[in-house]
C-alpha atoms as a PDB file:
ATOM      1  CA  LYS A   1    -251.771 -56.450-126.221  1.00  0.00           C
ATOM      2  CA  PHE A   2    -251.100 -59.955-125.305  1.00  0.00           C
ATOM      3  CA  GLU A   3    -247.561 -59.060-124.612  1.00  0.00           C
ATOM      4  CA  LEU A   4    -248.630 -56.165-122.440  1.00  0.00           C
ATOM      5  CA  GLU A   5    -250.985 -58.409-120.533  1.00  0.00           C
ATOM      6  CA  LYS A   6    -248.304 -60.915-120.371  1.00  0.00           C
ATOM      7  CA  SER A   7    -245.882 -58.393-119.112  1.00  0.00           C
ATOM      8  CA  GLU A   8    -248.556 -56.856-116.786  1.00  0.00           C
ATOM      9  CA  GLY A   9    -249.339 -60.318-115.421  1.00  0.00           C
ATOM     10  CA  GLY A  10    -245.683 -60.812-115.021  1.00  0.00           C
ATOM     11  CA  PHE A  11    -245.405 -57.497-113.177  1.00  0.00           C
ATOM     12  CA  LEU A  12    -248.391 -58.277-111.043  1.00  0.00           C
ATOM     13  CA  SER A  13    -246.992 -61.583-110.038  1.00  0.00           C
ATOM     14  CA  LYS A  14    -243.659 -59.945-109.393  1.00  0.00           C
ATOM     15  CA  ILE A  15    -245.375 -57.310-107.266  1.00  0.00           C
ATOM     16  CA  GLU A  16    -247.223 -60.046-105.366  1.00  0.00           C
ATOM     17  CA  LEU A  17    -244.000 -61.864-104.992  1.00  0.00           C
ATOM     18  CA  ILE A  18    -242.276 -58.730-103.732  1.00  0.00           C
ATOM     19  CA  LYS A  19    -245.197 -58.022-101.349  1.00  0.00           C
ATOM     20  CA  SER A  20    -244.939 -61.575-100.122  1.00  0.00           C
ATOM     21  CA  GLU A  21    -241.184 -61.189 -99.624  1.00  0.00           C
ATOM     22  CA  ILE A  22    -241.747 -57.849 -97.840  1.00  0.00           C
ATOM     23  CA  ALA A  23    -244.291 -59.491 -95.529  1.00  0.00           C
ATOM     24  CA  HIS A  24    -241.939 -62.361 -94.972  1.00  0.00           C
ATOM     25  CA  ASN A  25    -239.051 -59.918 -94.349  1.00  0.00           C
ATOM     26  CA  ASN A  26    -241.287 -57.948 -91.948  1.00  0.00           C
ATOM     27  CA  GLU A  27    -242.035 -61.185 -90.103  1.00  0.00           C
ATOM     28  CA  ASN A  28    -238.299 -61.947 -90.032  1.00  0.00           C
ATOM     29  CA  ILE A  29    -237.594 -58.391 -88.850  1.00  0.00           C
ATOM     30  CA  GLY A  30    -240.197 -58.827 -86.095  1.00  0.00           C
ATOM     31  CA  ARG A  31    -238.789 -62.186 -85.125  1.00  0.00           C
ATOM     32  CA  LEU A  32    -235.214 -60.866 -85.244  1.00  0.00           C
ATOM     33  CA  LYS A  33    -236.304 -57.803 -83.258  1.00  0.00           C
ATOM     34  CA  ASN A  34    -237.841 -60.111 -80.619  1.00  0.00           C
ATOM     35  CA  GLU A  35    -234.704 -62.250 -80.625  1.00  0.00           C
ATOM     36  CA  ASN A  36    -232.612 -59.066 -80.425  1.00  0.00           C
ATOM     37  CA  ASP A  37    -234.732 -57.835 -77.488  1.00  0.00           C
ATOM     38  CA  GLU A  38    -234.347 -61.232 -75.773  1.00  0.00           C
ATOM     39  CA  LEU A  39    -230.616 -61.160 -76.432  1.00  0.00           C
ATOM     40  CA  SER A  40    -230.417 -57.571 -75.124  1.00  0.00           C
ATOM     41  CA  GLU A  41    -232.224 -58.670 -71.963  1.00  0.00           C
ATOM     42  CA  ARG A  42    -229.905 -61.642 -71.686  1.00  0.00           C
ATOM     43  CA  ILE A  43    -226.894 -59.335 -72.233  1.00  0.00           C
ATOM     44  CA  ASN A  44    -228.215 -56.948 -69.543  1.00  0.00           C
ATOM     45  CA  MET A  45    -228.701 -59.905 -67.186  1.00  0.00           C
ATOM     46  CA  LEU A  46    -225.213 -61.178 -67.985  1.00  0.00           C
ATOM     47  CA  ASP A  47    -223.810 -57.660 -67.506  1.00  0.00           C
ATOM     48  CA  LYS A  48    -225.459 -57.553 -64.064  1.00  0.00           C
ATOM     49  CA  GLU A  49    -224.123 -61.033 -63.287  1.00  0.00           C
ATOM     50  CA  ASN A  50    -220.734 -59.915 -64.580  1.00  0.00           C
ATOM     51  CA  VAL A  51    -220.788 -56.867 -62.290  1.00  0.00           C
ATOM     52  CA  GLN A  52    -221.840 -59.093 -59.381  1.00  0.00           C
ATOM     53  CA  LYS A  53    -219.159 -61.681 -60.208  1.00  0.00           C
ATOM     54  CA  LYS A  54    -216.587 -58.892 -60.568  1.00  0.00           C
ATOM     55  CA  SER A  55    -217.590 -57.640 -57.098  1.00  0.00           C
ATOM     56  CA  GLU A  56    -217.273 -61.176 -55.762  1.00  0.00           C
ATOM     57  CA  ILE A  57    -213.883 -61.534 -57.456  1.00  0.00           C
ATOM     58  CA  ASP A  58    -212.810 -58.205 -55.936  1.00  0.00           C
ATOM     59  CA  LEU A  59    -213.908 -59.443 -52.499  1.00  0.00           C
ATOM     60  CA  ILE A  60    -212.077 -62.718 -53.055  1.00  0.00           C
ATOM     61  CA  ASN A  61    -208.984 -60.816 -54.219  1.00  0.00           C
ATOM     62  CA  ASP A  62    -209.206 -58.619 -51.104  1.00  0.00           C
ATOM     63  CA  GLU A  63    -209.505 -61.758 -48.983  1.00  0.00           C
ATOM     64  CA  ILE A  64    -206.551 -63.314 -50.829  1.00  0.00           C
ATOM     65  CA  ALA A  65    -204.528 -60.142 -50.171  1.00  0.00           C
ATOM     66  CA  LYS A  66    -205.462 -60.279 -46.465  1.00  0.00           C
ATOM     67  CA  LEU A  67    -204.577 -63.965 -46.311  1.00  0.00           C
ATOM     68  CA  SER A  68    -201.296 -63.296 -48.118  1.00  0.00           C
ATOM     69  CA  ASP A  69    -200.482 -60.572 -45.577  1.00  0.00           C
ATOM     70  CA  GLU A  70    -201.429 -62.971 -42.781  1.00  0.00           C
ATOM     71  CA  ILE A  71    -199.240 -65.680 -44.311  1.00  0.00           C
ATOM     72  CA  GLU A  72    -196.338 -63.232 -44.550  1.00  0.00           C
ATOM     73  CA  ARG A  73    -196.894 -62.227 -40.905  1.00  0.00           C
ATOM     74  CA  LEU A  74    -197.067 -65.877 -39.858  1.00  0.00           C
ATOM     75  CA  ILE A  75    -193.915 -66.670 -41.818  1.00  0.00           C
ATOM     76  CA  SER A  76    -192.216 -63.752 -40.110  1.00  0.00           C
ATOM     77  CA  ASP A  77    -193.551 -64.901 -36.740  1.00  0.00           C
ATOM     78  CA  SER A  78    -192.479 -68.470 -37.493  1.00  0.00           C
ATOM     79  CA  ASP A  79    -188.932 -67.212 -37.993  1.00  0.00           C
ATOM     80  CA  GLY A  80    -189.095 -65.825 -34.456  1.00  0.00           C
ATOM     81  CA  VAL A  81    -190.693 -69.031 -33.229  1.00  0.00           C
ATOM     82  CA  ASN A  82    -188.022 -71.059 -35.010  1.00  0.00           C
ATOM     83  CA  THR A  83    -185.343 -68.961 -33.341  1.00  0.00           C
ATOM     84  CA  SER A  84    -187.048 -69.401 -29.962  1.00  0.00           C
ATOM     85  CA  LEU A  85    -187.510 -73.110 -30.628  1.00  0.00           C
ATOM     86  CA  GLU A  86    -183.869 -73.459 -31.583  1.00  0.00           C
ATOM     87  CA  ALA A  87    -182.844 -71.658 -28.391  1.00  0.00           C
ATOM     88  CA  ALA A  88    -185.195 -73.885 -26.383  1.00  0.00           C
ATOM     89  CA  LEU A  89    -183.752 -77.017 -28.036  1.00  0.00           C
ATOM     90  CA  ASN A  90    -180.226 -75.823 -27.252  1.00  0.00           C
ATOM     91  CA  ASP A  91    -181.318 -75.156 -23.678  1.00  0.00           C
ATOM     92  CA  ILE A  92    -182.812 -78.668 -23.525  1.00  0.00           C
ATOM     93  CA  GLU A  93    -179.542 -80.123 -24.796  1.00  0.00           C
ATOM     94  CA  ASN A  94    -177.664 -78.163 -22.116  1.00  0.00           C
ATOM     95  CA  LYS A  95    -180.158 -79.350 -19.500  1.00  0.00           C
ATOM     96  CA  LYS A  96    -179.669 -82.931 -20.728  1.00  0.00           C
ATOM     97  CA  ALA A  97    -175.937 -82.550 -20.208  1.00  0.00           C
ATOM     98  CA  ASP A  98    -176.566 -81.088 -16.739  1.00  0.00           C
ATOM     99  CA  ILE A  99    -178.964 -83.934 -15.911  1.00  0.00           C
ATOM    100  CA  ILE A 100    -176.449 -86.535 -17.088  1.00  0.00           C
ATOM    101  CA  GLU A 101    -173.784 -84.868 -14.961  1.00  0.00           C
ATOM    102  CA  LEU A 102    -176.125 -84.811 -11.947  1.00  0.00           C
ATOM    103  CA  LEU A 103    -177.028 -88.465 -12.527  1.00  0.00           C
ATOM    104  CA  ASN A 104    -173.332 -89.332 -12.614  1.00  0.00           C
ATOM    105  CA  GLU A 105    -172.798 -87.366  -9.397  1.00  0.00           C
ATOM    106  CA  ASN A 106    -175.830 -89.096  -7.894  1.00  0.00           C
ATOM    107  CA  THR A 107    -174.396 -92.462  -8.911  1.00  0.00           C
ATOM    108  CA  ASN A 108    -171.084 -91.503  -7.313  1.00  0.00           C
ATOM    109  CA  LEU A 109    -172.872 -90.275  -4.208  1.00  0.00           C
ATOM    110  CA  SER A 110    -174.909 -93.484  -4.102  1.00  0.00           C
ATOM    111  CA  ALA A 111    -171.707 -95.487  -4.384  1.00  0.00           C
ATOM    112  CA  ASN A 112    -170.141 -93.289  -1.701  1.00  0.00           C
ATOM    113  CA  SER A 113    -173.310 -93.607   0.339  1.00  0.00           C
ATOM    114  CA  ASP A 114    -173.186 -97.368  -0.020  1.00  0.00           C
ATOM    115  CA  GLY A 115    -169.537 -97.190   1.011  1.00  0.00           C
ATOM    116  CA  LEU A 116    -170.442 -94.948   3.935  1.00  0.00           C
ATOM    117  CA  GLU A 117    -173.247 -97.283   4.946  1.00  0.00           C
ATOM    118  CA  ALA A 118    -170.819-100.204   4.829  1.00  0.00           C
ATOM    119  CA  LEU A 119    -168.294 -98.127   6.769  1.00  0.00           C
ATOM    120  CA  GLN A 120    -170.959 -97.148   9.328  1.00  0.00           C
ATOM    121  CA  LYS A 121    -172.022-100.801   9.626  1.00  0.00           C
ATOM    122  CA  ASN A 122    -168.409-101.878  10.088  1.00  0.00           C
ATOM    123  CA  PHE A 123    -167.920 -99.060  12.589  1.00  0.00           C
ATOM    124  CA  ALA A 124    -171.059-100.093  14.497  1.00  0.00           C
ATOM    125  CA  GLU A 125    -169.937-103.729  14.474  1.00  0.00           C
ATOM    126  CA  ARG A 126    -166.444-102.733  15.614  1.00  0.00           C
ATOM    127  CA  LYS A 127    -167.956-100.482  18.295  1.00  0.00           C
ATOM    128  CA  ASP A 128    -170.134-103.350  19.526  1.00  0.00           C
ATOM    129  CA  SER A 129    -167.113-105.637  19.454  1.00  0.00           C
ATOM    130  CA  ILE A 130    -165.076-103.110  21.460  1.00  0.00           C
ATOM    131  CA  LYS A 131    -167.981-102.677  23.919  1.00  0.00           C
ATOM    132  CA  ASN A 132    -168.083-106.435  24.335  1.00  0.00           C
ATOM    133  CA  GLU A 133    -164.302-106.513  24.815  1.00  0.00           C
ATOM    134  CA  ILE A 134    -164.535-103.665  27.340  1.00  0.00           C
ATOM    135  CA  ALA A 135    -167.387-105.458  29.121  1.00  0.00           C
ATOM    136  CA  ALA A 136    -165.340-108.657  29.132  1.00  0.00           C
ATOM    137  CA  SER A 137    -162.320-106.668  30.379  1.00  0.00           C
ATOM    138  CA  ASN A 138    -164.466-105.013  33.045  1.00  0.00           C
ATOM    139  CA  ASP A 139    -165.754-108.433  34.050  1.00  0.00           C
ATOM    140  CA  ALA A 140    -162.184-109.711  34.156  1.00  0.00           C
ATOM    141  CA  LEU A 141    -161.106-106.629  36.155  1.00  0.00           C
ATOM    142  CA  GLU A 142    -164.046-107.131  38.505  1.00  0.00           C
ATOM    143  CA  THR A 143    -163.019-110.742  38.903  1.00  0.00           C
ATOM    144  CA  CYS A 144    -159.412-109.635  39.464  1.00  0.00           C
ATOM    145  CA  ARG A 145    -160.538-106.994  41.967  1.00  0.00           C
ATOM    146  CA  ASN A 146    -162.624-109.536  43.769  1.00  0.00           C
ATOM    147  CA  GLN A 147    -159.705-111.957  43.747  1.00  0.00           C
ATOM    148  CA  LEU A 148    -157.385-109.173  44.877  1.00  0.00           C
ATOM    149  CA  GLU A 149    -159.755-108.271  47.685  1.00  0.00           C
ATOM    150  CA  ASN A 150    -159.901-111.924  48.616  1.00  0.00           C
ATOM    151  CA  CYS A 151    -156.130-112.092  48.439  1.00  0.00           C
ATOM    152  CA  ILE A 152    -155.819-108.956  50.531  1.00  0.00           C
ATOM    153  CA  SER A 153    -158.327-110.306  52.973  1.00  0.00           C
ATOM    154  CA  GLU A 154    -156.508-113.611  53.105  1.00  0.00           C
ATOM    155  CA  LEU A 155    -153.186-111.851  53.311  1.00  0.00           C
ATOM    156  CA  SER A 156    -154.504-109.643  56.041  1.00  0.00           C
ATOM    157  CA  GLY A 157    -155.759-112.672  57.885  1.00  0.00           C
ATOM    158  CA  TYR A 158    -152.493-114.426  57.318  1.00  0.00           C
ATOM    159  CA  CYS A 159    -150.472-111.374  58.364  1.00  0.00           C
ATOM    160  CA  THR A 160    -152.588-110.944  61.424  1.00  0.00           C
ATOM    161  CA  SER A 161    -152.123-114.544  62.321  1.00  0.00           C
ATOM    162  CA  GLN A 162    -148.412-114.348  61.651  1.00  0.00           C
ATOM    163  CA  LEU A 163    -148.071-111.152  63.602  1.00  0.00           C
ATOM    164  CA  GLY A 164    -149.968-112.746  66.362  1.00  0.00           C
ATOM    165  CA  THR A 165    -147.477-115.556  66.321  1.00  0.00           C
ATOM    166  CA  ILE A 166    -144.607-113.152  66.187  1.00  0.00           C
ATOM    167  CA  TRP A 167    -145.831-111.101  69.053  1.00  0.00           C
ATOM    168  CA  TYR A 168    -146.384-114.042  71.233  1.00  0.00           C
END
């Protein structure tokens, strides 16, 4: 009997131990279930965030695609601008050459103008000199005319007096 009691006591304690383990396991199951529920909620929240982030990434990718298209268009446009700029620079170089040529012509014209001014000044001086010579010649002619008139008058007087002498 003692062995039966011993073995019954041993069973009873094993049963109590098993009941205790079951209770403990049930507590663990409850705790794990709560943790699982929390993790499921967290996963659902992360899934929603993931969907939202994916939408944002899609929007960003769309924006990147638009910007890439815009960059391609601008690169294409810049090729046209570069061509236009190159043509404008060539035109500027041609204009520079034209300006240099015009400046050289202007310098030549200025030199010619200076020469013409000097020529005009010399001409004016020569003209004044000739006027003065003509005036002096006119004065001399006037003096000669006056002297000639005096001579004629004197000659006339002399002739008249000599004729008067001859006639008498």
